[in-house]
Amino acid sequence: MAEEYDVVVLGGGTGGYVAAIRAAQLGLKTAIVEKGKLGGTCLHKGCIPSKALLRSAEVYSTAKNSEEFGVSTEGVSLNFMKVQERKQKIIDGLHSGVQQLMKKGKIDVFEGLGRILGPSIFSPMPGTISVEMNNGTDNEMLIPKNVVVATGSRPRTLPGLDIDGEYVLSSDEALELTEVPKSIIIVGGGVIGIEWASMLCDFGSKVTVIEYADRIIPTEDKEVSKEMERLLKKRGVEFVTKAKVLAETVQKADGEVSIKAEAGGSEQTFTAEKILVSVGRQANVEGIGLENTDIQIEKGFIDVNEFYQTKESHIYAIGDVIGGLQLAHVASHEGITAIEHIFGENVDPIDYNTVSKCIYSSPEAASVGLTEQQAVDQGFEVKTGKFSFRAIGKALVYGESDGFVKIVADKQTDDVLGVHMIGPHVTDMISEAGLAKVLDAAAWEIGHTIHPHPTLSEAIGEAALAVDGKAIHS
């Protein structure tokens, strides 16, 4: 017998389960359809497992260099299976927590593949969901008043460079490595590529990053990109930029894989134990019944309005499947916005210019708002303030004094246009800058906020003062 719901969410990742929780809070009868595990990519194949590995890499690196802190250690070694066990324990604990949240919200969870059906005896509009259950039982039929598509994304690869799980990996396979490769070629120097480069370098791999653009993390401020490359090079990572990988040249034999790339006006050959392909992610739009609707796909992503409605006004889409900022915290807030719009609340569209972005490498990087170049390109007359962690006592205490905070401000209004950080724990500091953007703060207002001493956050206050040449410790 078909079950009726106010909202059915296709996909139980971070965006999907948060949307479901908000719907339940508003008293809407809600269901989630998830073919894998609740928590989705972020919990099982992305944010959480990669950060667990990065933390182990950081601890291993710190232990090897503990003499700098006056702590003598002998025989420091890496037990990579223990690293993986710790990662899985964290995932399992969080997964259990999400399951409990579903029970608390009385949200029905259907474990299977959901497909949107066209108009039928159940509904004159497309939107009835057929669920092919994982346990092999008969399909379940769900009749929702509204649907939220939150099917996420998967790693993209290059044509001809097929993921085989042995020599050529995506981040999915890399997370399940049983030992650290002695050498690895990372194709793509974006956020994911840089995090893996940092991690594997700390674990002892010889890392080479090949990037098509003229600099790594090309969406970040140029000064941050330059500093990240400089600091990773100091740790042994090799970079080849402005390089076009020739996927068809890949060769695998005797425990090694090689590939050619056009760089510097000639073809170069690169050889390692593994290749990690990190060239972005593609939306999961196939096999979910979109062809039974009027929903439009633009450049591989579902087209939505500012409230995440598709061309079918009762069907919404959020998260990676709509493109834009493919970040877990963005998907969550898109889900909340969509649900509140369904409920009829007066909601404001998300201002993506206030969304913080983070890179969890060593050093960390974080940003919000416009880069200096973007601000100039948009016609702003800018002024900037920059302050190094080398003058911050807490950074010296930590033994991590590389990096800086940079603030880009409007010369006419003093408004903060963007904040860019690279250095210790900046992913935990960027929220202050995010709040400044939400409140449309001026640089002088941040500078006049008293930052406690000694803290890393003092760098934010000093950078804000530096916008007008008033930094105290420079």
Protein backbone atom coordinates (compact mmCIF):
# COMPACT_ATOMS: atom_id res chain seq x y z
CA MET A 1 0.00 0.00 0.00
CA ALA A 2 1.33 3.44 -0.92
CA GLU A 3 2.28 5.74 1.96
CA GLU A 4 1.54 9.48 1.85
CA TYR A 5 4.02 12.11 3.08
CA ASP A 6 4.31 15.86 3.22
CA VAL A 7 7.98 15.62 2.19
CA VAL A 8 10.13 12.85 0.76
CA VAL A 9 13.85 13.49 0.57
CA LEU A 10 15.83 11.57 -2.05
CA GLY A 11 19.28 11.14 -0.51
CA GLY A 12 20.33 10.95 3.13
CA GLY A 13 23.58 12.87 2.97
CA THR A 14 24.32 16.00 4.97
CA GLY A 15 21.92 18.13 2.95
CA GLY A 16 19.21 15.50 2.81
CA TYR A 17 19.08 14.47 6.45
CA VAL A 18 19.28 18.08 7.66
CA ALA A 19 16.36 18.95 5.36
CA ALA A 20 14.43 16.01 6.78
CA ILE A 21 15.11 17.08 10.37
CA ARG A 22 13.92 20.63 9.65
CA ALA A 23 10.78 19.26 8.01
CA ALA A 24 10.07 17.09 11.03
CA GLN A 25 10.62 20.07 13.35
CA LEU A 26 7.92 21.91 11.42
CA GLY A 27 5.50 19.05 11.91
CA LEU A 28 5.67 17.70 8.36
CA LYS A 29 5.36 13.96 7.85
CA THR A 30 8.75 13.13 6.37
CA ALA A 31 10.64 10.26 4.79
CA ILE A 32 14.18 9.80 3.49
CA VAL A 33 15.16 7.42 0.71
CA GLU A 34 18.84 6.45 0.80
CA LYS A 35 20.43 3.63 -1.19
CA GLY A 36 23.67 3.70 0.80
CA LYS A 37 24.18 4.87 4.37
CA LEU A 38 22.73 7.88 6.13
CA GLY A 39 25.31 10.64 6.20
CA GLY A 40 26.19 10.24 2.55
CA THR A 41 29.49 11.22 0.96
CA CYS A 42 30.47 13.70 3.65
CA LEU A 43 30.30 11.19 6.48
CA HIS A 44 31.44 8.05 4.70
CA LYS A 45 33.62 9.08 1.75
CA GLY A 46 34.48 12.75 2.15
CA CYS A 47 34.67 15.32 4.91
CA ILE A 48 34.89 13.14 7.98
CA PRO A 49 37.15 10.26 6.87
CA SER A 50 39.59 12.55 5.07
CA LYS A 51 39.86 14.86 8.09
CA ALA A 52 40.41 11.86 10.37
CA LEU A 53 43.33 10.80 8.16
CA LEU A 54 44.65 14.36 8.05
CA ARG A 55 44.61 14.50 11.84
CA SER A 56 46.59 11.25 12.08
CA ALA A 57 49.07 12.63 9.55
CA GLU A 58 49.41 15.80 11.63
CA VAL A 59 50.04 13.82 14.83
CA TYR A 60 52.61 11.63 13.08
CA SER A 61 54.43 14.68 11.73
CA THR A 62 54.37 16.37 15.14
CA ALA A 63 55.71 13.25 16.85
CA LYS A 64 58.60 13.04 14.39
CA ASN A 65 59.46 16.67 15.08
CA SER A 66 58.80 16.67 18.81
CA GLU A 67 62.43 17.51 19.66
CA GLU A 68 61.58 21.11 18.70
CA PHE A 69 59.24 21.18 21.70
CA GLY A 70 61.77 19.65 24.06
CA VAL A 71 60.06 16.28 23.94
CA SER A 72 62.30 13.33 23.09
CA THR A 73 60.64 10.43 21.28
CA GLU A 74 62.32 7.35 19.92
CA GLY A 75 61.13 4.83 17.43
CA VAL A 76 58.16 6.83 16.17
CA SER A 77 56.41 4.72 13.56
CA LEU A 78 53.19 4.71 11.62
CA ASN A 79 50.62 1.94 12.02
CA PHE A 80 48.41 2.73 9.06
CA MET A 81 45.87 0.04 9.86
CA LYS A 82 45.34 1.71 13.26
CA VAL A 83 44.91 5.01 11.42
CA GLN A 84 42.18 3.44 9.31
CA GLU A 85 40.55 1.80 12.33
CA ARG A 86 40.37 5.16 14.11
CA LYS A 87 38.85 6.74 11.03
CA GLN A 88 36.17 4.04 10.84
CA LYS A 89 35.37 4.32 14.54
CA ILE A 90 34.68 8.04 14.10
CA ILE A 91 32.48 7.37 11.07
CA ASP A 92 30.54 4.62 12.85
CA GLY A 93 29.90 6.83 15.88
CA LEU A 94 28.60 9.70 13.80
CA HIS A 95 26.53 7.35 11.64
CA SER A 96 24.86 6.00 14.76
CA GLY A 97 24.16 9.59 15.81
CA VAL A 98 22.42 10.38 12.52
CA GLN A 99 20.30 7.23 12.84
CA GLN A 100 19.23 8.35 16.30
CA LEU A 101 18.30 11.78 14.94
CA MET A 102 15.99 10.08 12.44
CA LYS A 103 14.29 8.16 15.24
CA LYS A 104 14.01 11.28 17.37
CA GLY A 105 12.34 13.16 14.51
CA LYS A 106 10.09 10.18 13.66
CA ILE A 107 11.43 10.32 10.13
CA ASP A 108 10.85 7.17 8.08
CA VAL A 109 13.98 5.87 6.39
CA PHE A 110 13.70 3.71 3.27
CA GLU A 111 16.92 1.92 2.38
CA GLY A 112 16.91 1.62 -1.36
CA LEU A 113 17.07 3.40 -4.70
CA GLY A 114 14.33 5.99 -5.16
CA ARG A 115 12.99 7.04 -8.56
CA ILE A 116 10.55 9.82 -9.40
CA LEU A 117 7.59 8.59 -11.40
CA GLY A 118 5.54 10.56 -13.88
CA PRO A 119 1.79 11.26 -13.51
CA SER A 120 0.02 8.07 -12.42
CA ILE A 121 -2.98 6.69 -10.60
CA PHE A 122 -1.32 7.87 -7.40
CA SER A 123 -0.88 11.51 -8.42
CA PRO A 124 -1.76 13.71 -11.40
CA MET A 125 1.67 15.33 -11.12
CA PRO A 126 5.09 13.71 -11.34
CA GLY A 127 6.62 13.08 -7.94
CA THR A 128 5.45 9.72 -6.67
CA ILE A 129 8.55 7.87 -5.49
CA SER A 130 9.16 4.22 -6.27
CA VAL A 131 11.76 2.70 -3.94
CA GLU A 132 13.66 -0.40 -5.01
CA MET A 133 14.49 -1.71 -1.56
CA ASN A 134 18.02 -2.92 -0.82
CA ASN A 135 16.70 -6.00 0.96
CA GLY A 136 15.04 -7.29 -2.21
CA THR A 137 11.47 -6.91 -1.01
CA ASP A 138 8.76 -5.50 -3.23
CA ASN A 139 9.11 -1.86 -4.26
CA GLU A 140 7.68 0.69 -1.87
CA MET A 141 5.49 3.49 -3.26
CA LEU A 142 5.67 6.89 -1.53
CA ILE A 143 3.22 9.68 -2.39
CA PRO A 144 4.66 13.01 -1.30
CA LYS A 145 3.20 16.46 -1.55
CA ASN A 146 6.76 17.71 -2.01
CA VAL A 147 10.08 16.13 -2.98
CA VAL A 148 13.60 17.27 -2.15
CA VAL A 149 16.29 15.80 -4.42
CA ALA A 150 19.56 15.56 -2.51
CA THR A 151 21.36 12.79 -4.38
CA GLY A 152 24.80 14.40 -4.13
CA SER A 153 27.77 13.81 -6.37
CA ARG A 154 30.62 11.43 -7.13
CA PRO A 155 34.26 11.90 -8.12
CA ARG A 156 34.78 13.04 -11.68
CA THR A 157 37.54 11.57 -13.82
CA LEU A 158 39.20 12.41 -17.12
CA PRO A 159 38.12 10.65 -20.33
CA GLY A 160 40.48 7.73 -20.82
CA LEU A 161 41.80 7.80 -17.27
CA ASP A 162 39.60 5.11 -15.80
CA ILE A 163 39.51 4.46 -12.08
CA ASP A 164 40.65 0.86 -11.51
CA GLY A 165 41.04 0.94 -7.72
CA GLU A 166 44.59 -0.43 -7.90
CA TYR A 167 46.79 1.94 -9.87
CA VAL A 168 44.37 4.76 -10.59
CA LEU A 169 42.24 5.97 -7.68
CA SER A 170 39.59 8.51 -6.91
CA SER A 171 39.28 9.87 -3.39
CA ASP A 172 36.79 7.06 -2.66
CA GLU A 173 39.41 4.35 -3.22
CA ALA A 174 42.20 6.38 -1.62
CA LEU A 175 40.26 6.48 1.65
CA GLU A 176 40.40 2.68 1.78
CA LEU A 177 44.15 2.27 1.20
CA THR A 178 45.66 -0.43 3.41
CA GLU A 179 49.15 1.03 3.22
CA VAL A 180 50.74 4.35 2.35
CA PRO A 181 52.07 4.40 -1.22
CA LYS A 182 55.75 5.21 -1.51
CA SER A 183 54.93 7.63 -4.32
CA ILE A 184 51.80 9.12 -5.82
CA ILE A 185 50.83 11.43 -8.67
CA ILE A 186 47.86 13.66 -7.86
CA VAL A 187 46.04 14.92 -10.94
CA GLY A 188 44.40 18.16 -9.88
CA GLY A 189 45.62 20.80 -7.46
CA GLY A 190 42.27 21.96 -6.15
CA VAL A 191 41.03 21.64 -2.58
CA ILE A 192 40.79 17.84 -2.47
CA GLY A 193 44.09 17.37 -4.28
CA ILE A 194 45.93 19.68 -1.89
CA GLU A 195 44.47 18.01 1.19
CA TRP A 196 45.64 14.62 -0.10
CA ALA A 197 49.05 16.03 -1.04
CA SER A 198 49.54 17.37 2.48
CA MET A 199 48.31 14.18 4.14
CA LEU A 200 50.32 11.72 2.07
CA CYS A 201 53.44 13.86 2.30
CA ASP A 202 53.17 13.75 6.11
CA PHE A 203 52.64 9.98 5.95
CA GLY A 204 55.87 9.65 3.96
CA SER A 205 54.82 9.49 0.31
CA LYS A 206 56.72 11.20 -2.48
CA VAL A 207 53.97 13.43 -3.89
CA THR A 208 53.73 15.10 -7.30
CA VAL A 209 50.76 17.37 -8.06
CA ILE A 210 49.87 18.08 -11.69
CA GLU A 211 47.54 21.06 -12.16
CA TYR A 212 46.01 22.33 -15.41
CA ALA A 213 45.66 25.95 -14.23
CA ASP A 214 48.57 28.31 -13.72
CA ARG A 215 48.44 27.86 -9.94
CA ILE A 216 47.15 25.44 -7.33
CA ILE A 217 43.82 26.09 -5.53
CA PRO A 218 43.00 28.56 -8.32
CA THR A 219 39.69 29.65 -6.75
CA GLU A 220 41.51 31.06 -3.72
CA ASP A 221 43.30 34.40 -3.43
CA LYS A 222 46.56 34.39 -5.38
CA GLU A 223 48.64 35.15 -2.30
CA VAL A 224 47.15 32.16 -0.49
CA SER A 225 47.87 29.90 -3.48
CA LYS A 226 51.45 31.11 -3.60
CA GLU A 227 51.98 30.57 0.12
CA MET A 228 50.40 27.11 0.06
CA GLU A 229 52.68 26.03 -2.78
CA ARG A 230 55.75 27.46 -1.04
CA LEU A 231 55.04 25.69 2.25
CA LEU A 232 54.17 22.34 0.68
CA LYS A 233 57.30 22.49 -1.46
CA LYS A 234 59.34 22.94 1.72
CA ARG A 235 57.93 19.57 2.85
CA GLY A 236 58.86 17.88 -0.40
CA VAL A 237 55.72 18.09 -2.55
CA GLU A 238 56.48 18.70 -6.22
CA PHE A 239 54.16 20.82 -8.34
CA VAL A 240 53.70 21.00 -12.09
CA THR A 241 51.29 23.74 -13.13
CA LYS A 242 49.95 24.73 -16.54
CA ALA A 243 50.08 21.04 -17.37
CA LYS A 244 47.65 19.03 -19.48
CA VAL A 245 47.50 15.38 -18.50
CA LEU A 246 47.40 13.03 -21.51
CA ALA A 247 45.01 10.40 -20.18
CA GLU A 248 45.55 8.03 -23.08
CA THR A 249 49.26 7.65 -22.21
CA VAL A 250 48.70 5.89 -18.88
CA GLN A 251 50.76 2.72 -18.51
CA LYS A 252 50.54 0.17 -15.68
CA ALA A 253 53.14 -2.50 -14.96
CA ASP A 254 55.22 -4.05 -12.19
CA GLY A 255 53.62 -2.13 -9.36
CA GLU A 256 53.98 1.27 -11.00
CA VAL A 257 51.89 3.55 -13.15
CA SER A 258 53.12 6.26 -15.51
CA ILE A 259 51.41 9.04 -17.38
CA LYS A 260 52.49 11.87 -19.66
CA ALA A 261 51.56 15.52 -19.46
CA GLU A 262 52.17 18.52 -21.68
CA ALA A 263 54.01 21.10 -19.60
CA GLY A 264 56.56 23.78 -20.34
CA GLY A 265 56.25 23.28 -24.07
CA SER A 266 57.09 19.57 -24.02
CA GLU A 267 55.78 16.21 -22.94
CA GLN A 268 56.95 14.95 -19.57
CA THR A 269 56.53 11.47 -18.13
CA PHE A 270 55.60 10.96 -14.48
CA THR A 271 55.86 7.63 -12.68
CA ALA A 272 54.63 6.54 -9.25
CA GLU A 273 52.97 3.66 -7.40
CA LYS A 274 49.55 5.29 -7.64
CA ILE A 275 47.66 8.04 -9.44
CA LEU A 276 44.97 9.93 -7.54
CA VAL A 277 42.50 11.69 -9.84
CA SER A 278 41.16 14.82 -8.17
CA VAL A 279 39.47 16.89 -10.86
CA GLY A 280 36.15 17.75 -9.24
CA ARG A 281 32.82 16.02 -8.77
CA GLN A 282 29.81 15.32 -10.97
CA ALA A 283 26.18 15.35 -9.92
CA ASN A 284 24.20 12.15 -9.41
CA VAL A 285 21.32 12.93 -11.75
CA GLU A 286 21.05 9.59 -13.52
CA GLY A 287 18.64 6.82 -12.64
CA ILE A 288 16.39 8.85 -10.34
CA GLY A 289 13.53 9.48 -12.76
CA LEU A 290 14.22 13.08 -13.75
CA GLU A 291 13.24 12.16 -17.31
CA ASN A 292 9.68 11.66 -16.01
CA THR A 293 9.48 15.33 -15.07
CA ASP A 294 10.00 18.78 -16.59
CA ILE A 295 13.11 19.29 -14.44
CA GLN A 296 15.91 20.84 -16.46
CA ILE A 297 19.58 19.87 -16.35
CA GLU A 298 22.13 22.61 -17.06
CA LYS A 299 25.78 21.62 -17.53
CA GLY A 300 25.20 18.40 -15.64
CA PHE A 301 23.37 19.95 -12.67
CA ILE A 302 19.71 20.37 -11.77
CA ASP A 303 18.46 23.88 -12.52
CA VAL A 304 16.74 25.56 -9.54
CA ASN A 305 15.58 29.00 -8.46
CA GLU A 306 16.77 30.89 -5.36
CA PHE A 307 14.52 28.74 -3.14
CA TYR A 308 15.74 25.50 -4.79
CA GLN A 309 12.54 24.82 -6.70
CA THR A 310 12.93 23.01 -10.01
CA LYS A 311 10.68 23.51 -13.02
CA GLU A 312 8.29 21.24 -11.12
CA SER A 313 7.34 23.65 -8.34
CA HIS A 314 6.70 20.88 -5.79
CA ILE A 315 10.08 19.25 -6.46
CA TYR A 316 13.14 20.91 -4.95
CA ALA A 317 16.85 20.09 -5.31
CA ILE A 318 19.76 20.94 -3.01
CA GLY A 319 23.45 20.27 -2.45
CA ASP A 320 26.01 18.94 -4.89
CA VAL A 321 23.34 17.91 -7.37
CA ILE A 322 22.66 21.60 -8.18
CA GLY A 323 26.35 22.59 -8.47
CA GLY A 324 27.56 25.89 -7.05
CA LEU A 325 29.53 25.58 -3.83
CA GLN A 326 29.70 21.81 -3.34
CA LEU A 327 30.20 21.96 0.42
CA ALA A 328 28.44 20.03 3.17
CA HIS A 329 27.53 23.11 5.19
CA VAL A 330 26.10 24.74 2.08
CA ALA A 331 23.94 21.70 1.32
CA SER A 332 22.60 21.74 4.87
CA HIS A 333 21.53 25.36 4.66
CA GLU A 334 20.07 24.89 1.19
CA GLY A 335 18.02 22.05 2.65
CA ILE A 336 16.74 24.20 5.50
CA THR A 337 15.86 27.01 3.08
CA ALA A 338 13.99 24.62 0.77
CA ILE A 339 11.97 23.10 3.62
CA GLU A 340 11.06 26.46 5.12
CA HIS A 341 9.94 27.61 1.67
CA ILE A 342 7.80 24.48 1.34
CA PHE A 343 6.27 25.28 4.74
CA GLY A 344 5.40 28.76 3.56
CA GLU A 345 7.79 30.72 5.71
CA ASN A 346 9.20 34.03 4.47
CA VAL A 347 12.78 32.97 3.82
CA ASP A 348 15.70 34.91 2.42
CA PRO A 349 17.81 33.36 -0.33
CA ILE A 350 21.32 32.30 0.71
CA ASP A 351 24.00 34.89 0.01
CA TYR A 352 26.82 32.65 -1.17
CA ASN A 353 29.25 35.52 -0.78
CA THR A 354 28.99 35.02 2.99
CA VAL A 355 29.79 31.30 2.92
CA SER A 356 33.12 30.28 4.43
CA LYS A 357 35.31 27.80 2.53
CA CYS A 358 37.98 25.67 4.17
CA ILE A 359 41.02 23.61 3.14
CA TYR A 360 42.16 21.20 5.85
CA SER A 361 45.72 20.69 4.67
CA SER A 362 48.80 21.59 6.66
CA PRO A 363 48.85 24.55 6.63
CA GLU A 364 45.12 25.09 6.65
CA ALA A 365 43.49 27.73 4.47
CA ALA A 366 40.10 29.39 4.73
CA SER A 367 38.26 32.21 3.02
CA VAL A 368 34.99 34.07 2.73
CA GLY A 369 33.88 36.64 0.18
CA LEU A 370 35.80 38.04 -2.78
CA THR A 371 39.47 37.57 -3.55
CA GLU A 372 41.39 40.74 -4.24
CA GLN A 373 41.32 40.05 -7.98
CA GLN A 374 37.59 39.30 -7.99
CA ALA A 375 36.92 42.56 -6.16
CA VAL A 376 38.95 44.52 -8.70
CA ASP A 377 37.24 42.71 -11.58
CA GLN A 378 33.85 43.66 -10.14
CA GLY A 379 34.82 47.33 -10.16
CA PHE A 380 35.68 47.90 -6.51
CA GLU A 381 38.48 50.20 -5.51
CA VAL A 382 40.11 48.06 -2.87
CA LYS A 383 42.45 48.39 0.05
CA THR A 384 43.99 45.43 1.81
CA GLY A 385 45.45 44.57 5.18
CA LYS A 386 47.73 41.60 5.74
CA PHE A 387 49.23 40.28 8.95
CA SER A 388 51.68 37.41 9.40
CA PHE A 389 51.35 34.72 12.05
CA ARG A 390 55.06 35.19 12.71
CA ALA A 391 54.16 38.15 14.94
CA ILE A 392 51.49 36.21 16.85
CA GLY A 393 52.65 34.76 20.15
CA LYS A 394 50.19 31.86 20.16
CA ALA A 395 51.40 30.77 16.70
CA LEU A 396 54.99 30.72 17.97
CA VAL A 397 53.87 28.70 20.99
CA TYR A 398 52.19 26.21 18.67
CA GLY A 399 55.31 26.05 16.52
CA GLU A 400 53.23 27.00 13.46
CA SER A 401 54.03 30.56 12.52
CA ASP A 402 53.86 30.38 8.71
CA GLY A 403 50.96 32.01 6.93
CA PHE A 404 48.89 35.16 7.28
CA VAL A 405 45.45 36.75 7.42
CA LYS A 406 44.50 39.06 4.55
CA ILE A 407 41.46 41.35 4.47
CA VAL A 408 40.15 42.94 1.29
CA ALA A 409 37.99 46.03 1.88
CA ASP A 410 36.11 48.59 -0.19
CA LYS A 411 38.12 51.81 -0.22
CA GLN A 412 34.97 53.90 -0.53
CA THR A 413 32.84 52.36 2.24
CA ASP A 414 35.34 50.42 4.40
CA ASP A 415 33.09 47.34 4.03
CA VAL A 416 34.85 43.99 4.16
CA LEU A 417 34.75 42.36 0.74
CA GLY A 418 36.75 39.24 1.53
CA VAL A 419 38.92 37.58 4.16
CA HIS A 420 41.62 35.06 3.33
CA MET A 421 43.69 33.03 5.76
CA ILE A 422 46.44 30.46 5.59
CA GLY A 423 48.11 29.11 8.70
CA PRO A 424 47.39 27.27 11.96
CA HIS A 425 43.76 26.45 12.76
CA VAL A 426 42.36 29.04 10.36
CA THR A 427 39.42 26.76 9.51
CA ASP A 428 38.26 27.32 13.09
CA MET A 429 38.86 31.07 12.84
CA ILE A 430 37.09 31.87 9.57
CA SER A 431 33.63 32.01 11.17
CA GLU A 432 34.45 35.41 12.69
CA ALA A 433 35.04 36.68 9.17
CA GLY A 434 31.84 34.98 8.01
CA LEU A 435 29.87 36.80 10.69
CA ALA A 436 31.53 40.06 9.64
CA LYS A 437 30.29 39.46 6.09
CA VAL A 438 26.75 38.63 7.26
CA LEU A 439 26.66 41.82 9.34
CA ASP A 440 28.23 43.85 6.52
CA ALA A 441 30.99 44.93 8.88
CA ALA A 442 33.68 47.46 8.12
CA ALA A 443 37.34 46.56 8.57
CA TRP A 444 37.70 49.10 11.38
CA GLU A 445 34.89 47.39 13.30
CA ILE A 446 36.79 44.11 13.26
CA GLY A 447 39.95 45.97 14.24
CA HIS A 448 38.20 47.59 17.19
CA THR A 449 36.93 44.23 18.43
CA ILE A 450 39.18 43.24 21.33
CA HIS A 451 40.75 39.89 20.53
CA PRO A 452 42.03 37.95 23.56
CA HIS A 453 45.77 37.49 24.04
CA PRO A 454 47.46 35.18 23.39
CA THR A 455 45.28 33.70 20.65
CA LEU A 456 45.62 33.03 16.96
CA SER A 457 42.58 35.24 16.39
CA GLU A 458 44.70 38.30 17.13
CA ALA A 459 45.90 38.01 13.55
CA ILE A 460 42.39 38.86 12.35
CA GLY A 461 42.27 42.03 14.44
CA GLU A 462 45.74 43.07 13.33
CA ALA A 463 44.94 42.44 9.66
CA ALA A 464 41.81 44.57 10.02
CA LEU A 465 43.85 47.40 11.54
CA ALA A 466 46.43 46.96 8.78
CA VAL A 467 43.78 47.85 6.19
CA ASP A 468 44.22 51.46 7.32
CA GLY A 469 47.89 51.15 8.23
CA LYS A 470 47.19 50.90 11.97
CA ALA A 471 48.46 47.40 12.79
CA ILE A 472 50.22 47.44 16.15
CA HIS A 473 52.73 44.62 15.84
CA SER A 474 54.09 45.21 12.35
